[in-house]
Amino acid sequence: MVAKTRVAQCACGGISATAEGEPDLVVLCNCIACQRRTGSPFGVGAYYKRAVVALTGVSKTFVRKVEGSDRIVTNHFCPDCGGTVYWTLDLRPQHIGIGVGSFGDPAFSPPMRSVWTESKHEWITLPDHMPAFPRAAS
């Protein structure tokens, strides 16, 4: 079987992340920082091992602490259109997180878990089978 190649990019195409195969993890995050990063009530990230991701373009970074901890998240965004395509985090140093919406693929794998549900908007209903954590999950 041939591994699927997916390309995520910002709105103007200035930065991209090309990933080979399936992600190790897909997470729906309800934290306030992801809400502010995306402008929506949550963010959805696909986590790939660094070895299977090729990054192109020049990005700017925004470094922040994870809510309630000393862990760091480094968001990489396009200096022209402002879109955040990928990020790295202390919790998963062997991975790169890529915004699922940046792939532009409505058939992308659904989230495997939801985190920071303590910040979830009340009108959002998660599937019964999806593991959900009030804060971050390792």
N, C-alpha and C. Protein backbone atom coordinates (compact mmCIF):
# COMPACT_ATOMS: atom_id res chain seq x y z
N MET A 1 0.84 -1.17 0.00
CA MET A 1 0.00 0.00 0.00
C MET A 1 0.89 1.25 0.00
N VAL A 2 0.55 2.21 -0.81
CA VAL A 2 1.31 3.46 -0.92
C VAL A 2 0.80 4.44 0.13
N ALA A 3 1.74 5.07 0.85
CA ALA A 3 1.37 6.05 1.87
C ALA A 3 0.78 7.28 1.20
N LYS A 4 -0.26 7.81 1.80
CA LYS A 4 -0.92 9.00 1.27
C LYS A 4 -0.10 10.24 1.62
N THR A 5 0.06 11.13 0.65
CA THR A 5 0.74 12.40 0.86
C THR A 5 -0.32 13.49 0.95
N ARG A 6 -0.23 14.30 2.02
CA ARG A 6 -1.17 15.40 2.20
C ARG A 6 -0.37 16.70 2.33
N VAL A 7 -0.92 17.77 1.75
CA VAL A 7 -0.27 19.07 1.83
C VAL A 7 -1.21 20.05 2.54
N ALA A 8 -0.71 20.62 3.63
CA ALA A 8 -1.42 21.68 4.35
C ALA A 8 -0.76 23.00 3.99
N GLN A 9 -1.55 24.04 3.85
CA GLN A 9 -0.97 25.34 3.54
C GLN A 9 -1.83 26.45 4.11
N CYS A 10 -1.22 27.62 4.22
CA CYS A 10 -1.95 28.81 4.67
C CYS A 10 -2.83 29.31 3.53
N ALA A 11 -3.61 30.35 3.80
CA ALA A 11 -4.57 30.87 2.80
C ALA A 11 -3.89 31.36 1.53
N CYS A 12 -2.69 31.96 1.65
CA CYS A 12 -2.02 32.49 0.46
C CYS A 12 -1.04 31.50 -0.15
N GLY A 13 -0.81 30.36 0.50
CA GLY A 13 0.12 29.36 -0.01
C GLY A 13 1.58 29.65 0.30
N GLY A 14 1.84 30.65 1.12
CA GLY A 14 3.22 31.03 1.43
C GLY A 14 3.99 30.03 2.27
N ILE A 15 3.30 29.30 3.16
CA ILE A 15 3.95 28.24 3.92
C ILE A 15 3.13 26.97 3.80
N SER A 16 3.82 25.85 3.83
CA SER A 16 3.12 24.57 3.72
C SER A 16 3.83 23.50 4.53
N ALA A 17 3.07 22.46 4.82
CA ALA A 17 3.58 21.27 5.49
C ALA A 17 3.09 20.07 4.70
N THR A 18 4.01 19.28 4.19
CA THR A 18 3.66 18.07 3.44
C THR A 18 3.90 16.88 4.34
N ALA A 19 2.85 16.09 4.57
CA ALA A 19 2.92 14.96 5.50
C ALA A 19 2.68 13.66 4.75
N GLU A 20 3.48 12.66 5.09
CA GLU A 20 3.35 11.33 4.49
C GLU A 20 2.62 10.39 5.44
N GLY A 21 1.64 9.69 4.92
CA GLY A 21 0.93 8.69 5.72
C GLY A 21 -0.14 9.30 6.61
N GLU A 22 -0.58 8.50 7.57
CA GLU A 22 -1.63 8.92 8.49
C GLU A 22 -1.02 9.54 9.74
N PRO A 23 -1.72 10.49 10.36
CA PRO A 23 -1.20 11.07 11.60
C PRO A 23 -1.23 10.05 12.74
N ASP A 24 -0.34 10.24 13.71
CA ASP A 24 -0.34 9.39 14.90
C ASP A 24 -1.53 9.72 15.79
N LEU A 25 -1.97 10.95 15.76
CA LEU A 25 -3.03 11.41 16.65
C LEU A 25 -3.74 12.61 16.01
N VAL A 26 -5.05 12.67 16.18
CA VAL A 26 -5.84 13.83 15.77
C VAL A 26 -6.62 14.28 17.01
N VAL A 27 -6.44 15.55 17.39
CA VAL A 27 -7.00 16.05 18.64
C VAL A 27 -7.85 17.28 18.41
N LEU A 28 -9.02 17.30 19.03
CA LEU A 28 -9.87 18.48 19.05
C LEU A 28 -9.57 19.20 20.36
N CYS A 29 -9.08 20.44 20.28
CA CYS A 29 -8.69 21.20 21.47
C CYS A 29 -9.64 22.38 21.66
N ASN A 30 -10.21 22.45 22.87
CA ASN A 30 -11.15 23.51 23.22
C ASN A 30 -10.52 24.62 24.05
N CYS A 31 -9.20 24.63 24.22
CA CYS A 31 -8.57 25.63 25.09
C CYS A 31 -8.78 27.04 24.53
N ILE A 32 -8.72 28.00 25.41
CA ILE A 32 -8.94 29.40 25.00
C ILE A 32 -7.90 29.83 23.99
N ALA A 33 -6.64 29.39 24.15
CA ALA A 33 -5.59 29.78 23.20
C ALA A 33 -5.89 29.27 21.79
N CYS A 34 -6.38 28.04 21.66
CA CYS A 34 -6.74 27.52 20.33
C CYS A 34 -7.97 28.25 19.78
N GLN A 35 -8.89 28.61 20.65
CA GLN A 35 -10.05 29.38 20.20
C GLN A 35 -9.58 30.72 19.62
N ARG A 36 -8.65 31.35 20.29
CA ARG A 36 -8.16 32.63 19.80
C ARG A 36 -7.30 32.47 18.56
N ARG A 37 -6.50 31.38 18.50
CA ARG A 37 -5.64 31.13 17.33
C ARG A 37 -6.46 30.91 16.07
N THR A 38 -7.57 30.16 16.21
CA THR A 38 -8.36 29.80 15.03
C THR A 38 -9.52 30.75 14.75
N GLY A 39 -9.96 31.47 15.78
CA GLY A 39 -11.16 32.30 15.61
C GLY A 39 -12.43 31.48 15.64
N SER A 40 -12.33 30.20 16.03
CA SER A 40 -13.49 29.33 16.14
C SER A 40 -13.54 28.78 17.57
N PRO A 41 -14.57 28.02 17.93
CA PRO A 41 -14.67 27.52 19.30
C PRO A 41 -13.67 26.43 19.66
N PHE A 42 -12.90 25.96 18.70
CA PHE A 42 -11.89 24.93 18.97
C PHE A 42 -10.91 24.86 17.81
N GLY A 43 -9.83 24.15 18.03
CA GLY A 43 -8.86 23.86 16.97
C GLY A 43 -8.75 22.35 16.85
N VAL A 44 -8.44 21.86 15.67
CA VAL A 44 -8.21 20.43 15.46
C VAL A 44 -6.83 20.27 14.85
N GLY A 45 -6.00 19.49 15.54
CA GLY A 45 -4.63 19.29 15.08
C GLY A 45 -4.33 17.84 14.79
N ALA A 46 -3.59 17.60 13.72
CA ALA A 46 -3.10 16.27 13.36
C ALA A 46 -1.62 16.23 13.72
N TYR A 47 -1.23 15.21 14.47
CA TYR A 47 0.16 15.11 14.94
C TYR A 47 0.89 14.02 14.18
N TYR A 48 1.91 14.46 13.44
CA TYR A 48 2.76 13.57 12.64
C TYR A 48 4.17 13.56 13.23
N LYS A 49 4.85 12.43 13.09
CA LYS A 49 6.26 12.40 13.47
C LYS A 49 7.02 13.37 12.56
N ARG A 50 7.98 14.07 13.14
CA ARG A 50 8.75 15.07 12.39
C ARG A 50 9.39 14.50 11.13
N ALA A 51 9.80 13.24 11.20
CA ALA A 51 10.51 12.61 10.07
C ALA A 51 9.65 12.48 8.83
N VAL A 52 8.32 12.54 8.95
CA VAL A 52 7.45 12.37 7.78
C VAL A 52 6.83 13.69 7.31
N VAL A 53 7.33 14.81 7.85
CA VAL A 53 6.79 16.12 7.47
C VAL A 53 7.89 16.98 6.84
N ALA A 54 7.58 17.57 5.69
CA ALA A 54 8.48 18.52 5.03
C ALA A 54 7.83 19.90 5.10
N LEU A 55 8.57 20.88 5.58
CA LEU A 55 8.05 22.24 5.74
C LEU A 55 8.68 23.15 4.68
N THR A 56 7.87 24.02 4.08
CA THR A 56 8.39 24.97 3.10
C THR A 56 7.84 26.36 3.41
N GLY A 57 8.57 27.37 2.98
CA GLY A 57 8.17 28.75 3.18
C GLY A 57 8.78 29.31 4.46
N VAL A 58 8.70 30.62 4.57
CA VAL A 58 9.24 31.32 5.73
C VAL A 58 8.08 31.66 6.66
N SER A 59 8.17 31.17 7.89
CA SER A 59 7.11 31.46 8.85
C SER A 59 7.63 32.37 9.94
N LYS A 60 6.70 33.02 10.60
CA LYS A 60 6.98 33.74 11.83
C LYS A 60 6.49 32.84 12.96
N THR A 61 6.97 33.09 14.17
CA THR A 61 6.56 32.25 15.29
C THR A 61 5.93 33.07 16.40
N PHE A 62 5.05 32.41 17.11
CA PHE A 62 4.46 32.94 18.33
C PHE A 62 4.60 31.85 19.37
N VAL A 63 5.35 32.15 20.44
CA VAL A 63 5.62 31.18 21.49
C VAL A 63 4.75 31.53 22.69
N ARG A 64 4.09 30.51 23.25
CA ARG A 64 3.25 30.74 24.42
C ARG A 64 3.34 29.55 25.37
N LYS A 65 2.98 29.80 26.61
CA LYS A 65 2.89 28.72 27.59
C LYS A 65 1.52 28.06 27.48
N VAL A 66 1.50 26.76 27.74
CA VAL A 66 0.24 26.02 27.79
C VAL A 66 -0.46 26.43 29.08
N GLU A 67 -1.76 26.63 29.01
CA GLU A 67 -2.54 27.04 30.17
C GLU A 67 -2.23 26.16 31.38
N GLY A 68 -1.93 26.79 32.51
CA GLY A 68 -1.74 26.08 33.76
C GLY A 68 -0.46 25.26 33.86
N SER A 69 0.53 25.51 32.99
CA SER A 69 1.76 24.73 33.05
C SER A 69 2.94 25.57 32.57
N ASP A 70 4.12 24.98 32.61
CA ASP A 70 5.31 25.65 32.08
C ASP A 70 5.68 25.13 30.70
N ARG A 71 4.85 24.25 30.13
CA ARG A 71 5.13 23.73 28.79
C ARG A 71 4.93 24.82 27.75
N ILE A 72 5.64 24.67 26.63
CA ILE A 72 5.65 25.68 25.57
C ILE A 72 5.05 25.14 24.28
N VAL A 73 4.30 25.99 23.59
CA VAL A 73 3.80 25.73 22.24
C VAL A 73 4.38 26.83 21.35
N THR A 74 4.94 26.44 20.21
CA THR A 74 5.45 27.40 19.24
C THR A 74 4.62 27.30 17.97
N ASN A 75 3.79 28.32 17.73
CA ASN A 75 2.96 28.36 16.53
C ASN A 75 3.76 28.98 15.39
N HIS A 76 3.67 28.37 14.21
CA HIS A 76 4.32 28.90 13.01
C HIS A 76 3.22 29.41 12.08
N PHE A 77 3.30 30.71 11.77
CA PHE A 77 2.25 31.30 10.95
C PHE A 77 2.85 32.08 9.79
N CYS A 78 2.04 32.30 8.78
CA CYS A 78 2.47 33.01 7.58
C CYS A 78 2.55 34.50 7.85
N PRO A 79 3.69 35.13 7.53
CA PRO A 79 3.82 36.57 7.75
C PRO A 79 2.96 37.40 6.79
N ASP A 80 2.46 36.80 5.72
CA ASP A 80 1.63 37.54 4.77
C ASP A 80 0.14 37.43 5.08
N CYS A 81 -0.39 36.21 5.21
CA CYS A 81 -1.83 36.07 5.44
C CYS A 81 -2.18 35.79 6.90
N GLY A 82 -1.20 35.44 7.73
CA GLY A 82 -1.43 35.22 9.15
C GLY A 82 -1.90 33.83 9.52
N GLY A 83 -2.08 32.95 8.56
CA GLY A 83 -2.58 31.61 8.86
C GLY A 83 -1.55 30.75 9.60
N THR A 84 -1.99 30.11 10.70
CA THR A 84 -1.14 29.17 11.42
C THR A 84 -1.32 27.81 10.78
N VAL A 85 -0.26 27.26 10.22
CA VAL A 85 -0.33 25.96 9.57
C VAL A 85 0.14 24.86 10.50
N TYR A 86 1.20 25.12 11.26
CA TYR A 86 1.76 24.06 12.11
C TYR A 86 2.34 24.62 13.39
N TRP A 87 2.62 23.71 14.33
CA TRP A 87 3.18 24.10 15.61
C TRP A 87 3.97 22.94 16.20
N THR A 88 4.80 23.28 17.15
CA THR A 88 5.54 22.28 17.92
C THR A 88 5.20 22.51 19.38
N LEU A 89 5.30 21.46 20.18
CA LEU A 89 5.01 21.58 21.59
C LEU A 89 5.91 20.68 22.42
N ASP A 90 6.22 21.18 23.62
CA ASP A 90 7.08 20.43 24.54
C ASP A 90 6.52 19.05 24.87
N LEU A 91 5.20 18.93 24.98
CA LEU A 91 4.57 17.67 25.36
C LEU A 91 4.86 16.57 24.35
N ARG A 92 4.99 16.91 23.08
CA ARG A 92 5.23 15.94 22.00
C ARG A 92 6.41 16.40 21.15
N PRO A 93 7.63 16.35 21.69
CA PRO A 93 8.78 16.89 20.94
C PRO A 93 9.09 16.13 19.65
N GLN A 94 8.65 14.88 19.53
CA GLN A 94 8.91 14.09 18.33
C GLN A 94 7.88 14.34 17.23
N HIS A 95 6.89 15.20 17.50
CA HIS A 95 5.81 15.45 16.55
C HIS A 95 5.75 16.91 16.11
N ILE A 96 5.06 17.10 14.98
CA ILE A 96 4.65 18.42 14.51
C ILE A 96 3.13 18.37 14.44
N GLY A 97 2.49 19.37 15.04
CA GLY A 97 1.04 19.49 14.93
C GLY A 97 0.70 20.32 13.72
N ILE A 98 -0.26 19.86 12.94
CA ILE A 98 -0.69 20.57 11.73
C ILE A 98 -2.19 20.80 11.83
N GLY A 99 -2.62 22.03 11.58
CA GLY A 99 -4.05 22.33 11.61
C GLY A 99 -4.79 21.54 10.54
N VAL A 100 -5.77 20.74 10.96
CA VAL A 100 -6.49 19.88 10.02
C VAL A 100 -7.17 20.71 8.94
N GLY A 101 -7.70 21.88 9.28
CA GLY A 101 -8.33 22.73 8.27
C GLY A 101 -7.37 23.20 7.20
N SER A 102 -6.08 23.25 7.51
CA SER A 102 -5.07 23.69 6.54
C SER A 102 -4.87 22.67 5.41
N PHE A 103 -5.34 21.45 5.62
CA PHE A 103 -5.25 20.44 4.56
C PHE A 103 -6.35 20.64 3.51
N GLY A 104 -7.43 21.31 3.89
CA GLY A 104 -8.53 21.51 2.93
C GLY A 104 -9.11 20.20 2.45
N ASP A 105 -9.20 19.20 3.35
CA ASP A 105 -9.66 17.86 2.99
C ASP A 105 -10.84 17.46 3.88
N PRO A 106 -12.09 17.59 3.40
CA PRO A 106 -13.23 17.25 4.23
C PRO A 106 -13.29 15.77 4.62
N ALA A 107 -12.50 14.91 3.97
CA ALA A 107 -12.48 13.48 4.30
C ALA A 107 -11.37 13.14 5.29
N PHE A 108 -10.70 14.15 5.86
CA PHE A 108 -9.61 13.91 6.80
C PHE A 108 -10.14 13.13 8.01
N SER A 109 -9.28 12.33 8.61
CA SER A 109 -9.66 11.53 9.78
C SER A 109 -10.23 12.40 10.88
N PRO A 110 -11.29 11.94 11.56
CA PRO A 110 -11.88 12.73 12.65
C PRO A 110 -10.99 12.71 13.90
N PRO A 111 -11.23 13.63 14.82
CA PRO A 111 -10.46 13.64 16.06
C PRO A 111 -10.63 12.34 16.85
N MET A 112 -9.54 11.93 17.51
CA MET A 112 -9.54 10.73 18.33
C MET A 112 -9.87 11.03 19.78
N ARG A 113 -9.70 12.30 20.17
CA ARG A 113 -9.99 12.73 21.54
C ARG A 113 -10.24 14.23 21.55
N SER A 114 -10.84 14.68 22.63
CA SER A 114 -11.08 16.11 22.85
C SER A 114 -10.40 16.50 24.16
N VAL A 115 -9.67 17.61 24.14
CA VAL A 115 -8.99 18.09 25.34
C VAL A 115 -9.46 19.50 25.68
N TRP A 116 -9.20 19.89 26.92
CA TRP A 116 -9.59 21.18 27.46
C TRP A 116 -11.10 21.39 27.36
N THR A 117 -11.86 20.33 27.65
CA THR A 117 -13.32 20.44 27.59
C THR A 117 -13.88 21.38 28.64
N GLU A 118 -13.07 21.74 29.65
CA GLU A 118 -13.54 22.72 30.63
C GLU A 118 -13.77 24.09 29.98
N SER A 119 -13.20 24.30 28.78
CA SER A 119 -13.40 25.55 28.04
C SER A 119 -14.30 25.37 26.83
N LYS A 120 -14.91 24.19 26.68
CA LYS A 120 -15.76 23.89 25.52
C LYS A 120 -17.02 24.74 25.56
N HIS A 121 -17.41 25.27 24.42
CA HIS A 121 -18.67 26.00 24.32
C HIS A 121 -19.83 25.05 24.62
N GLU A 122 -20.81 25.52 25.35
CA GLU A 122 -21.92 24.66 25.80
C GLU A 122 -22.70 24.04 24.66
N TRP A 123 -22.78 24.70 23.52
CA TRP A 123 -23.59 24.19 22.42
C TRP A 123 -22.89 23.13 21.59
N ILE A 124 -21.61 22.87 21.87
CA ILE A 124 -20.87 21.84 21.13
C ILE A 124 -21.12 20.49 21.79
N THR A 125 -21.52 19.51 20.98
CA THR A 125 -21.76 18.16 21.47
C THR A 125 -20.72 17.23 20.86
N LEU A 126 -19.98 16.54 21.72
CA LEU A 126 -18.97 15.60 21.25
C LEU A 126 -19.60 14.22 21.08
N PRO A 127 -19.08 13.42 20.16
CA PRO A 127 -19.58 12.05 20.02
C PRO A 127 -19.40 11.28 21.32
N ASP A 128 -20.35 10.42 21.66
CA ASP A 128 -20.30 9.64 22.90
C ASP A 128 -19.05 8.79 23.01
N HIS A 129 -18.54 8.30 21.88
CA HIS A 129 -17.39 7.38 21.91
C HIS A 129 -16.05 8.12 22.01
N MET A 130 -16.05 9.45 21.91
CA MET A 130 -14.78 10.20 21.92
C MET A 130 -14.31 10.44 23.35
N PRO A 131 -13.08 9.99 23.67
CA PRO A 131 -12.53 10.32 24.99
C PRO A 131 -12.39 11.83 25.13
N ALA A 132 -12.77 12.34 26.29
CA ALA A 132 -12.74 13.78 26.53
C ALA A 132 -12.05 14.05 27.87
N PHE A 133 -11.20 15.08 27.88
CA PHE A 133 -10.41 15.42 29.05
C PHE A 133 -10.63 16.89 29.40
N PRO A 134 -10.89 17.19 30.69
CA PRO A 134 -11.12 18.58 31.08
C PRO A 134 -9.93 19.50 30.77
N ARG A 135 -8.73 18.94 30.81
CA ARG A 135 -7.50 19.70 30.49
C ARG A 135 -6.74 18.91 29.44
N ALA A 136 -5.44 19.12 29.37
CA ALA A 136 -4.62 18.41 28.37
C ALA A 136 -4.52 16.93 28.72
N ALA A 137 -4.34 16.11 27.72
CA ALA A 137 -4.11 14.67 27.90
C ALA A 137 -2.76 14.36 27.29
N SER A 138 -2.03 13.47 27.90
CA SER A 138 -0.71 13.13 27.36
C SER A 138 -0.80 12.13 26.25
